[in-house]
């Protein structure tokens, strides 16, 4: 998703809300896989999915706090949800060749979203109601956690030797 320039509190709030919904999608997909796993599957995969869901919930809380600090009228949830669905919801968990591939896609998508958002904020001369350094620090921390998630999934895929083809 190309984020473009961020020129107002309202636009920033909308982008942060996109992040919130994206985190909800990631969390829901991780829980979907977690619930559908066969009891005999690798405990590492189960732990990874549980951690991913918890991390997404924590990211969502942090983003919601930033939106609250902006003090702007919220964009209707349905509007934000449809934007996320159009950009990121083109695939369903079942569309992947396995749990780990889907999780890798989710982690990479979130990482890229935060990368684009950070770049757009850094390129903007706009003044926001929220402290710019606090905003960027929060987004960079979330992005770093997404990068760690990509690494964890990749390492697990390599260790499992399955290439991520654990079926749901």
N, C-alpha and C. Protein backbone atom coordinates (compact mmCIF):
# COMPACT_ATOMS: atom_id res chain seq x y z
N UNK A 1 0.85 -1.17 0.00
CA UNK A 1 0.00 0.00 0.00
C UNK A 1 0.89 1.23 0.00
N UNK A 2 0.66 2.11 -0.93
CA UNK A 2 1.40 3.36 -0.97
C UNK A 2 0.67 4.35 -0.06
N UNK A 3 1.36 4.83 0.94
CA UNK A 3 0.73 5.69 1.93
C UNK A 3 0.65 7.13 1.45
N UNK A 4 1.64 7.62 0.73
CA UNK A 4 1.62 9.00 0.28
C UNK A 4 1.95 9.96 1.40
N UNK A 5 1.76 11.24 1.13
CA UNK A 5 2.07 12.27 2.12
C UNK A 5 1.01 12.29 3.23
N UNK A 6 1.47 12.60 4.42
CA UNK A 6 0.57 12.73 5.57
C UNK A 6 0.57 14.21 5.93
N UNK A 7 -0.58 14.87 5.73
CA UNK A 7 -0.60 16.32 5.86
C UNK A 7 -1.52 16.85 6.97
N UNK A 8 -2.24 15.97 7.67
CA UNK A 8 -3.15 16.46 8.71
C UNK A 8 -3.36 15.40 9.78
N UNK A 9 -3.88 15.85 10.91
CA UNK A 9 -4.22 14.92 12.00
C UNK A 9 -5.25 13.91 11.52
N UNK A 10 -6.24 14.38 10.76
CA UNK A 10 -7.29 13.48 10.27
C UNK A 10 -6.70 12.40 9.37
N UNK A 11 -5.83 12.79 8.48
CA UNK A 11 -5.21 11.81 7.59
C UNK A 11 -4.34 10.83 8.38
N UNK A 12 -3.59 11.33 9.35
CA UNK A 12 -2.77 10.47 10.19
C UNK A 12 -3.66 9.50 10.97
N UNK A 13 -4.76 10.01 11.52
CA UNK A 13 -5.68 9.15 12.27
C UNK A 13 -6.22 8.04 11.37
N UNK A 14 -6.57 8.37 10.15
CA UNK A 14 -7.09 7.37 9.23
C UNK A 14 -6.03 6.30 8.96
N UNK A 15 -4.80 6.70 8.76
CA UNK A 15 -3.72 5.74 8.50
C UNK A 15 -3.46 4.86 9.73
N UNK A 16 -3.50 5.47 10.91
CA UNK A 16 -3.34 4.68 12.13
C UNK A 16 -4.50 3.70 12.29
N UNK A 17 -5.70 4.13 11.91
CA UNK A 17 -6.85 3.23 11.97
C UNK A 17 -6.71 2.08 10.97
N UNK A 18 -6.11 2.36 9.83
CA UNK A 18 -5.81 1.27 8.89
C UNK A 18 -4.90 0.25 9.56
N UNK A 19 -3.91 0.75 10.29
CA UNK A 19 -3.01 -0.15 11.03
C UNK A 19 -3.76 -0.97 12.06
N UNK A 20 -4.72 -0.36 12.73
CA UNK A 20 -5.51 -1.06 13.75
C UNK A 20 -6.28 -2.21 13.10
N UNK A 21 -6.93 -1.93 11.98
CA UNK A 21 -7.70 -2.97 11.31
C UNK A 21 -6.78 -4.04 10.74
N UNK A 22 -5.64 -3.63 10.21
CA UNK A 22 -4.66 -4.60 9.71
C UNK A 22 -4.22 -5.53 10.84
N UNK A 23 -3.97 -4.97 12.01
CA UNK A 23 -3.59 -5.80 13.17
C UNK A 23 -4.74 -6.74 13.55
N UNK A 24 -5.98 -6.27 13.42
CA UNK A 24 -7.12 -7.15 13.70
C UNK A 24 -7.16 -8.33 12.73
N UNK A 25 -6.85 -8.06 11.47
CA UNK A 25 -6.82 -9.12 10.46
C UNK A 25 -5.73 -10.13 10.80
N UNK A 26 -4.55 -9.65 11.14
CA UNK A 26 -3.44 -10.53 11.49
C UNK A 26 -3.80 -11.37 12.71
N UNK A 27 -4.38 -10.72 13.72
CA UNK A 27 -4.77 -11.44 14.94
C UNK A 27 -5.82 -12.50 14.63
N UNK A 28 -6.82 -12.14 13.85
CA UNK A 28 -7.89 -13.09 13.53
C UNK A 28 -7.36 -14.28 12.74
N UNK A 29 -6.45 -14.03 11.82
CA UNK A 29 -5.90 -15.13 11.02
C UNK A 29 -5.03 -16.04 11.87
N UNK A 30 -4.26 -15.45 12.78
CA UNK A 30 -3.44 -16.28 13.66
C UNK A 30 -4.32 -17.15 14.55
N UNK A 31 -5.40 -16.57 15.11
CA UNK A 31 -6.32 -17.36 15.93
C UNK A 31 -7.03 -18.43 15.10
N UNK A 32 -7.37 -18.09 13.85
CA UNK A 32 -8.01 -19.07 12.97
C UNK A 32 -7.10 -20.30 12.82
N UNK A 33 -5.85 -20.06 12.54
CA UNK A 33 -4.90 -21.17 12.37
C UNK A 33 -4.68 -21.91 13.69
N UNK A 34 -4.55 -21.14 14.77
CA UNK A 34 -4.30 -21.75 16.07
C UNK A 34 -5.42 -22.71 16.44
N UNK A 35 -6.66 -22.28 16.22
CA UNK A 35 -7.82 -23.12 16.55
C UNK A 35 -7.94 -24.32 15.62
N UNK A 36 -7.44 -24.20 14.40
CA UNK A 36 -7.62 -25.28 13.43
C UNK A 36 -6.48 -26.28 13.43
N UNK A 37 -5.46 -26.05 14.22
CA UNK A 37 -4.31 -26.95 14.23
C UNK A 37 -4.66 -28.31 14.83
N UNK A 38 -4.10 -29.31 14.24
CA UNK A 38 -4.21 -30.67 14.76
C UNK A 38 -3.39 -30.72 16.04
N UNK A 39 -3.88 -31.40 17.04
CA UNK A 39 -3.20 -31.49 18.34
C UNK A 39 -1.80 -32.05 18.23
N UNK A 40 -1.52 -32.79 17.17
CA UNK A 40 -0.21 -33.41 17.03
C UNK A 40 0.81 -32.51 16.33
N UNK A 41 0.41 -31.34 15.89
CA UNK A 41 1.34 -30.47 15.19
C UNK A 41 2.34 -29.84 16.16
N UNK A 42 3.37 -29.34 15.61
CA UNK A 42 4.49 -28.77 16.33
C UNK A 42 4.07 -27.70 17.34
N UNK A 43 4.56 -27.85 18.56
CA UNK A 43 4.27 -26.88 19.61
C UNK A 43 4.86 -25.51 19.29
N UNK A 44 5.97 -25.49 18.54
CA UNK A 44 6.58 -24.22 18.16
C UNK A 44 5.63 -23.40 17.29
N UNK A 45 4.94 -24.07 16.38
CA UNK A 45 3.99 -23.38 15.51
C UNK A 45 2.84 -22.82 16.33
N UNK A 46 2.33 -23.62 17.25
CA UNK A 46 1.25 -23.14 18.12
C UNK A 46 1.69 -21.93 18.94
N UNK A 47 2.89 -22.00 19.50
CA UNK A 47 3.41 -20.89 20.30
C UNK A 47 3.59 -19.64 19.44
N UNK A 48 4.08 -19.81 18.23
CA UNK A 48 4.29 -18.70 17.32
C UNK A 48 2.96 -18.01 17.00
N UNK A 49 1.93 -18.79 16.72
CA UNK A 49 0.63 -18.23 16.39
C UNK A 49 0.00 -17.52 17.58
N UNK A 50 0.14 -18.10 18.76
CA UNK A 50 -0.39 -17.47 19.96
C UNK A 50 0.33 -16.15 20.23
N UNK A 51 1.64 -16.15 20.08
CA UNK A 51 2.43 -14.93 20.28
C UNK A 51 2.06 -13.87 19.25
N UNK A 52 1.86 -14.28 18.00
CA UNK A 52 1.49 -13.33 16.95
C UNK A 52 0.15 -12.68 17.24
N UNK A 53 -0.80 -13.43 17.70
CA UNK A 53 -2.12 -12.89 18.03
C UNK A 53 -2.03 -11.91 19.19
N UNK A 54 -1.27 -12.26 20.22
CA UNK A 54 -1.11 -11.38 21.37
C UNK A 54 -0.38 -10.10 20.98
N UNK A 55 0.64 -10.23 20.13
CA UNK A 55 1.39 -9.07 19.68
C UNK A 55 0.51 -8.13 18.87
N UNK A 56 -0.33 -8.69 18.01
CA UNK A 56 -1.23 -7.85 17.21
C UNK A 56 -2.20 -7.09 18.11
N UNK A 57 -2.71 -7.73 19.13
CA UNK A 57 -3.62 -7.07 20.07
C UNK A 57 -2.90 -5.92 20.78
N UNK A 58 -1.66 -6.14 21.17
CA UNK A 58 -0.87 -5.09 21.84
C UNK A 58 -0.60 -3.94 20.87
N UNK A 59 -0.27 -4.25 19.62
CA UNK A 59 -0.04 -3.20 18.62
C UNK A 59 -1.30 -2.37 18.41
N UNK A 60 -2.43 -3.04 18.35
CA UNK A 60 -3.70 -2.36 18.17
C UNK A 60 -3.95 -1.38 19.31
N UNK A 61 -3.69 -1.80 20.53
CA UNK A 61 -3.86 -0.91 21.69
C UNK A 61 -2.97 0.32 21.59
N UNK A 62 -1.72 0.11 21.18
CA UNK A 62 -0.79 1.24 21.05
C UNK A 62 -1.23 2.21 19.97
N UNK A 63 -1.73 1.68 18.86
CA UNK A 63 -2.21 2.54 17.77
C UNK A 63 -3.47 3.30 18.19
N UNK A 64 -4.36 2.63 18.92
CA UNK A 64 -5.58 3.29 19.39
C UNK A 64 -5.25 4.46 20.32
N UNK A 65 -4.24 4.31 21.14
CA UNK A 65 -3.83 5.40 22.04
C UNK A 65 -3.32 6.60 21.24
N UNK A 66 -2.59 6.33 20.15
CA UNK A 66 -2.12 7.43 19.30
C UNK A 66 -3.31 8.15 18.65
N UNK A 67 -4.28 7.40 18.17
CA UNK A 67 -5.46 8.01 17.55
C UNK A 67 -6.19 8.88 18.57
N UNK A 68 -6.33 8.38 19.79
CA UNK A 68 -7.00 9.16 20.85
C UNK A 68 -6.27 10.48 21.11
N UNK A 69 -4.95 10.46 21.07
CA UNK A 69 -4.16 11.66 21.32
C UNK A 69 -4.35 12.70 20.22
N UNK A 70 -4.71 12.26 19.03
CA UNK A 70 -4.91 13.19 17.93
C UNK A 70 -6.18 14.02 18.12
N UNK A 71 -7.14 13.47 18.85
CA UNK A 71 -8.34 14.23 19.14
C UNK A 71 -9.18 14.57 17.93
N UNK A 72 -9.14 13.76 16.89
CA UNK A 72 -9.96 14.00 15.70
C UNK A 72 -11.13 13.02 15.69
N UNK A 73 -12.14 13.38 14.92
CA UNK A 73 -13.28 12.48 14.78
C UNK A 73 -12.81 11.22 14.05
N UNK A 74 -13.22 10.12 14.59
CA UNK A 74 -12.82 8.83 14.03
C UNK A 74 -13.46 8.60 12.67
N UNK A 75 -12.70 7.97 11.80
CA UNK A 75 -13.25 7.52 10.52
C UNK A 75 -14.12 6.31 10.84
N UNK A 76 -15.31 6.21 10.25
CA UNK A 76 -16.15 5.05 10.53
C UNK A 76 -15.42 3.74 10.29
N UNK A 77 -15.57 2.82 11.25
CA UNK A 77 -14.87 1.55 11.21
C UNK A 77 -15.11 0.82 9.89
N UNK A 78 -16.34 0.86 9.39
CA UNK A 78 -16.68 0.15 8.16
C UNK A 78 -15.85 0.67 6.98
N UNK A 79 -15.61 1.98 6.95
CA UNK A 79 -14.83 2.58 5.87
C UNK A 79 -13.38 2.10 5.94
N UNK A 80 -12.82 2.11 7.13
CA UNK A 80 -11.44 1.66 7.30
C UNK A 80 -11.34 0.17 6.99
N UNK A 81 -12.30 -0.59 7.49
CA UNK A 81 -12.28 -2.04 7.27
C UNK A 81 -12.34 -2.36 5.77
N UNK A 82 -13.15 -1.61 5.02
CA UNK A 82 -13.25 -1.89 3.58
C UNK A 82 -11.94 -1.53 2.88
N UNK A 83 -11.24 -0.50 3.33
CA UNK A 83 -9.95 -0.15 2.74
C UNK A 83 -8.92 -1.25 3.00
N UNK A 84 -8.89 -1.77 4.22
CA UNK A 84 -7.96 -2.84 4.56
C UNK A 84 -8.32 -4.10 3.77
N UNK A 85 -9.60 -4.40 3.70
CA UNK A 85 -10.04 -5.58 2.96
C UNK A 85 -9.64 -5.49 1.49
N UNK A 86 -9.81 -4.31 0.90
CA UNK A 86 -9.46 -4.13 -0.51
C UNK A 86 -7.97 -4.29 -0.74
N UNK A 87 -7.16 -3.81 0.21
CA UNK A 87 -5.71 -3.86 0.03
C UNK A 87 -5.09 -5.16 0.51
N UNK A 88 -5.53 -5.64 1.67
CA UNK A 88 -4.85 -6.77 2.31
C UNK A 88 -5.69 -8.03 2.42
N UNK A 89 -6.98 -7.92 2.19
CA UNK A 89 -7.86 -9.06 2.41
C UNK A 89 -8.16 -9.86 1.15
N UNK A 90 -7.32 -9.73 0.15
CA UNK A 90 -7.55 -10.44 -1.11
C UNK A 90 -7.37 -11.94 -0.96
N UNK A 91 -6.68 -12.32 0.06
CA UNK A 91 -6.47 -13.74 0.31
C UNK A 91 -7.10 -14.12 1.63
N UNK A 92 -7.44 -15.34 1.75
CA UNK A 92 -7.99 -15.90 2.98
C UNK A 92 -6.96 -16.88 3.54
N UNK A 93 -7.05 -17.21 4.82
CA UNK A 93 -6.08 -18.16 5.39
C UNK A 93 -5.98 -19.46 4.59
N UNK A 94 -7.09 -19.90 4.01
CA UNK A 94 -7.10 -21.16 3.27
C UNK A 94 -6.39 -21.06 1.92
N UNK A 95 -6.11 -19.84 1.46
CA UNK A 95 -5.49 -19.66 0.16
C UNK A 95 -4.01 -19.98 0.14
N UNK A 96 -3.42 -20.18 1.30
CA UNK A 96 -1.99 -20.43 1.38
C UNK A 96 -1.71 -21.92 1.49
N UNK A 97 -0.48 -22.28 1.15
CA UNK A 97 -0.07 -23.68 1.18
C UNK A 97 0.26 -24.13 2.59
N UNK A 98 -0.13 -23.38 3.56
CA UNK A 98 0.11 -23.78 4.94
C UNK A 98 0.09 -22.62 5.89
N UNK A 99 0.05 -22.98 7.14
CA UNK A 99 -0.03 -22.03 8.23
C UNK A 99 1.15 -21.06 8.22
N UNK A 100 2.34 -21.59 8.07
CA UNK A 100 3.52 -20.73 8.16
C UNK A 100 3.62 -19.75 6.99
N UNK A 101 3.25 -20.17 5.80
CA UNK A 101 3.24 -19.25 4.67
C UNK A 101 2.27 -18.10 4.90
N UNK A 102 1.09 -18.42 5.40
CA UNK A 102 0.11 -17.38 5.68
C UNK A 102 0.63 -16.43 6.75
N UNK A 103 1.21 -16.98 7.80
CA UNK A 103 1.74 -16.13 8.87
C UNK A 103 2.87 -15.25 8.36
N UNK A 104 3.73 -15.80 7.51
CA UNK A 104 4.82 -15.02 6.94
C UNK A 104 4.27 -13.86 6.11
N UNK A 105 3.26 -14.13 5.32
CA UNK A 105 2.62 -13.08 4.52
C UNK A 105 2.04 -12.00 5.41
N UNK A 106 1.38 -12.39 6.49
CA UNK A 106 0.79 -11.42 7.42
C UNK A 106 1.85 -10.54 8.05
N UNK A 107 2.93 -11.16 8.52
CA UNK A 107 4.02 -10.40 9.16
C UNK A 107 4.67 -9.44 8.17
N UNK A 108 4.92 -9.91 6.95
CA UNK A 108 5.55 -9.07 5.93
C UNK A 108 4.65 -7.91 5.53
N UNK A 109 3.35 -8.16 5.42
CA UNK A 109 2.39 -7.11 5.06
C UNK A 109 2.38 -6.03 6.12
N UNK A 110 2.33 -6.43 7.38
CA UNK A 110 2.32 -5.45 8.47
C UNK A 110 3.63 -4.66 8.49
N UNK A 111 4.76 -5.35 8.32
CA UNK A 111 6.06 -4.67 8.29
C UNK A 111 6.07 -3.60 7.20
N UNK A 112 5.62 -3.96 6.01
CA UNK A 112 5.63 -3.03 4.87
C UNK A 112 4.71 -1.85 5.13
N UNK A 113 3.54 -2.10 5.72
CA UNK A 113 2.63 -1.00 6.03
C UNK A 113 3.31 0.01 6.95
N UNK A 114 3.94 -0.48 8.02
CA UNK A 114 4.60 0.43 8.96
C UNK A 114 5.80 1.12 8.31
N UNK A 115 6.51 0.43 7.46
CA UNK A 115 7.62 1.02 6.73
C UNK A 115 7.13 2.21 5.89
N UNK A 116 6.05 1.99 5.16
CA UNK A 116 5.48 3.06 4.33
C UNK A 116 4.95 4.21 5.17
N UNK A 117 4.29 3.89 6.28
CA UNK A 117 3.73 4.93 7.14
C UNK A 117 4.84 5.77 7.78
N UNK A 118 5.87 5.13 8.25
CA UNK A 118 7.00 5.85 8.86
C UNK A 118 7.63 6.78 7.82
N UNK A 119 7.87 6.27 6.63
CA UNK A 119 8.47 7.09 5.56
C UNK A 119 7.58 8.29 5.23
N UNK A 120 6.28 8.08 5.17
CA UNK A 120 5.36 9.17 4.85
C UNK A 120 5.37 10.25 5.93
N UNK A 121 5.43 9.83 7.18
CA UNK A 121 5.48 10.80 8.28
C UNK A 121 6.81 11.55 8.27
N UNK A 122 7.89 10.82 8.04
CA UNK A 122 9.21 11.47 7.99
C UNK A 122 9.31 12.46 6.84
N UNK A 123 8.63 12.17 5.73
CA UNK A 123 8.67 13.06 4.56
C UNK A 123 7.71 14.24 4.68
N UNK A 124 6.86 14.22 5.68
CA UNK A 124 5.85 15.25 5.85
C UNK A 124 6.38 16.41 6.71
N UNK A 125 5.97 17.61 6.32
CA UNK A 125 6.29 18.79 7.12
C UNK A 125 5.14 19.18 8.04
N UNK A 126 4.07 18.40 8.02
CA UNK A 126 2.88 18.72 8.80
C UNK A 126 3.17 18.66 10.29
N UNK A 127 2.42 19.48 11.02
CA UNK A 127 2.48 19.44 12.47
C UNK A 127 1.27 18.64 12.94
N UNK A 128 1.51 17.71 13.84
CA UNK A 128 0.44 16.85 14.33
C UNK A 128 0.17 17.16 15.80
N UNK A 129 -1.03 16.81 16.25
CA UNK A 129 -1.39 17.03 17.65
C UNK A 129 -0.62 16.10 18.58
N UNK A 130 -0.12 15.00 18.06
CA UNK A 130 0.68 14.06 18.84
C UNK A 130 2.15 14.38 18.57
N UNK A 131 2.97 14.22 19.57
CA UNK A 131 4.40 14.48 19.42
C UNK A 131 4.98 13.60 18.32
N UNK A 132 5.62 14.20 17.34
CA UNK A 132 6.16 13.49 16.19
C UNK A 132 7.16 12.41 16.60
N UNK A 133 8.05 12.71 17.52
CA UNK A 133 9.05 11.71 17.93
C UNK A 133 8.42 10.53 18.65
N UNK A 134 7.43 10.81 19.49
CA UNK A 134 6.71 9.73 20.16
C UNK A 134 5.99 8.86 19.14
N UNK A 135 5.34 9.50 18.19
CA UNK A 135 4.64 8.79 17.12
C UNK A 135 5.60 7.89 16.35
N UNK A 136 6.71 8.46 15.90
CA UNK A 136 7.68 7.69 15.11
C UNK A 136 8.33 6.58 15.94
N UNK A 137 8.63 6.87 17.19
CA UNK A 137 9.22 5.85 18.06
C UNK A 137 8.26 4.67 18.23
N UNK A 138 6.99 4.96 18.46
CA UNK A 138 6.00 3.89 18.61
C UNK A 138 5.90 3.06 17.34
N UNK A 139 5.81 3.73 16.20
CA UNK A 139 5.70 3.01 14.93
C UNK A 139 6.96 2.21 14.61
N UNK A 140 8.12 2.76 14.93
CA UNK A 140 9.37 2.01 14.70
C UNK A 140 9.46 0.77 15.60
N UNK A 141 9.00 0.90 16.83
CA UNK A 141 9.00 -0.26 17.73
C UNK A 141 8.07 -1.36 17.21
N UNK A 142 6.88 -0.95 16.75
CA UNK A 142 5.94 -1.93 16.20
C UNK A 142 6.54 -2.57 14.95
N UNK A 143 7.14 -1.75 14.09
CA UNK A 143 7.75 -2.27 12.87
C UNK A 143 8.88 -3.26 13.20
N UNK A 144 9.68 -2.95 14.19
CA UNK A 144 10.77 -3.85 14.60
C UNK A 144 10.21 -5.18 15.09
N UNK A 145 9.09 -5.14 15.80
CA UNK A 145 8.47 -6.38 16.26
C UNK A 145 7.93 -7.18 15.09
N UNK A 146 7.43 -6.49 14.06
CA UNK A 146 6.97 -7.19 12.86
C UNK A 146 8.16 -7.83 12.14
N UNK A 147 9.29 -7.13 12.09
CA UNK A 147 10.50 -7.69 11.48
C UNK A 147 10.95 -8.94 12.23
N UNK A 148 10.88 -8.89 13.56
CA UNK A 148 11.23 -10.07 14.37
C UNK A 148 10.29 -11.22 14.05
N UNK A 149 9.02 -10.90 13.84
CA UNK A 149 8.04 -11.93 13.50
C UNK A 149 8.37 -12.59 12.17
N UNK A 150 8.77 -11.79 11.19
CA UNK A 150 9.18 -12.33 9.89
C UNK A 150 10.35 -13.29 10.09
N UNK A 151 11.33 -12.87 10.88
CA UNK A 151 12.51 -13.72 11.14
C UNK A 151 12.12 -15.01 11.86
N UNK A 152 11.25 -14.91 12.85
CA UNK A 152 10.84 -16.10 13.60
C UNK A 152 10.13 -17.11 12.70
N UNK A 153 9.23 -16.62 11.86
CA UNK A 153 8.50 -17.52 10.96
C UNK A 153 9.47 -18.16 9.97
N UNK A 154 10.36 -17.36 9.41
CA UNK A 154 11.32 -17.87 8.44
C UNK A 154 12.21 -18.94 9.07
N UNK A 155 12.71 -18.67 10.28
CA UNK A 155 13.56 -19.64 10.97
C UNK A 155 12.80 -20.93 11.26
N UNK A 156 11.55 -20.80 11.68
CA UNK A 156 10.74 -21.98 11.96
C UNK A 156 10.49 -22.78 10.69
N UNK A 157 10.26 -22.09 9.60
CA UNK A 157 10.07 -22.78 8.32
C UNK A 157 11.32 -23.55 7.93
N UNK A 158 12.48 -22.91 8.12
CA UNK A 158 13.74 -23.58 7.78
C UNK A 158 14.01 -24.77 8.69
N UNK A 159 13.75 -24.61 9.99
CA UNK A 159 13.98 -25.71 10.95
C UNK A 159 13.03 -26.88 10.71
N UNK A 160 11.79 -26.54 10.35
CA UNK A 160 10.81 -27.62 10.20
C UNK A 160 11.06 -28.43 8.94
N UNK A 161 11.79 -27.82 8.00
CA UNK A 161 12.08 -28.53 6.76
C UNK A 161 10.84 -28.75 5.90
N UNK A 162 9.72 -28.20 6.37
CA UNK A 162 8.48 -28.40 5.62
C UNK A 162 8.26 -27.29 4.62
N UNK A 163 9.11 -26.26 4.67
CA UNK A 163 8.91 -25.15 3.78
C UNK A 163 7.62 -24.42 4.06
N UNK A 164 7.10 -24.62 5.26
CA UNK A 164 5.89 -23.92 5.65
C UNK A 164 4.62 -24.61 5.22
N UNK A 165 4.71 -25.87 4.83
CA UNK A 165 3.54 -26.52 4.29
C UNK A 165 2.70 -27.23 5.36
N UNK A 166 2.80 -26.79 6.58
CA UNK A 166 1.93 -27.34 7.61
C UNK A 166 0.51 -27.01 7.25
N UNK A 167 -0.31 -27.98 7.09
CA UNK A 167 -1.68 -27.77 6.63
C UNK A 167 -2.58 -27.38 7.79
N UNK A 168 -3.61 -26.62 7.44
CA UNK A 168 -4.62 -26.25 8.43
C UNK A 168 -5.72 -27.27 8.45
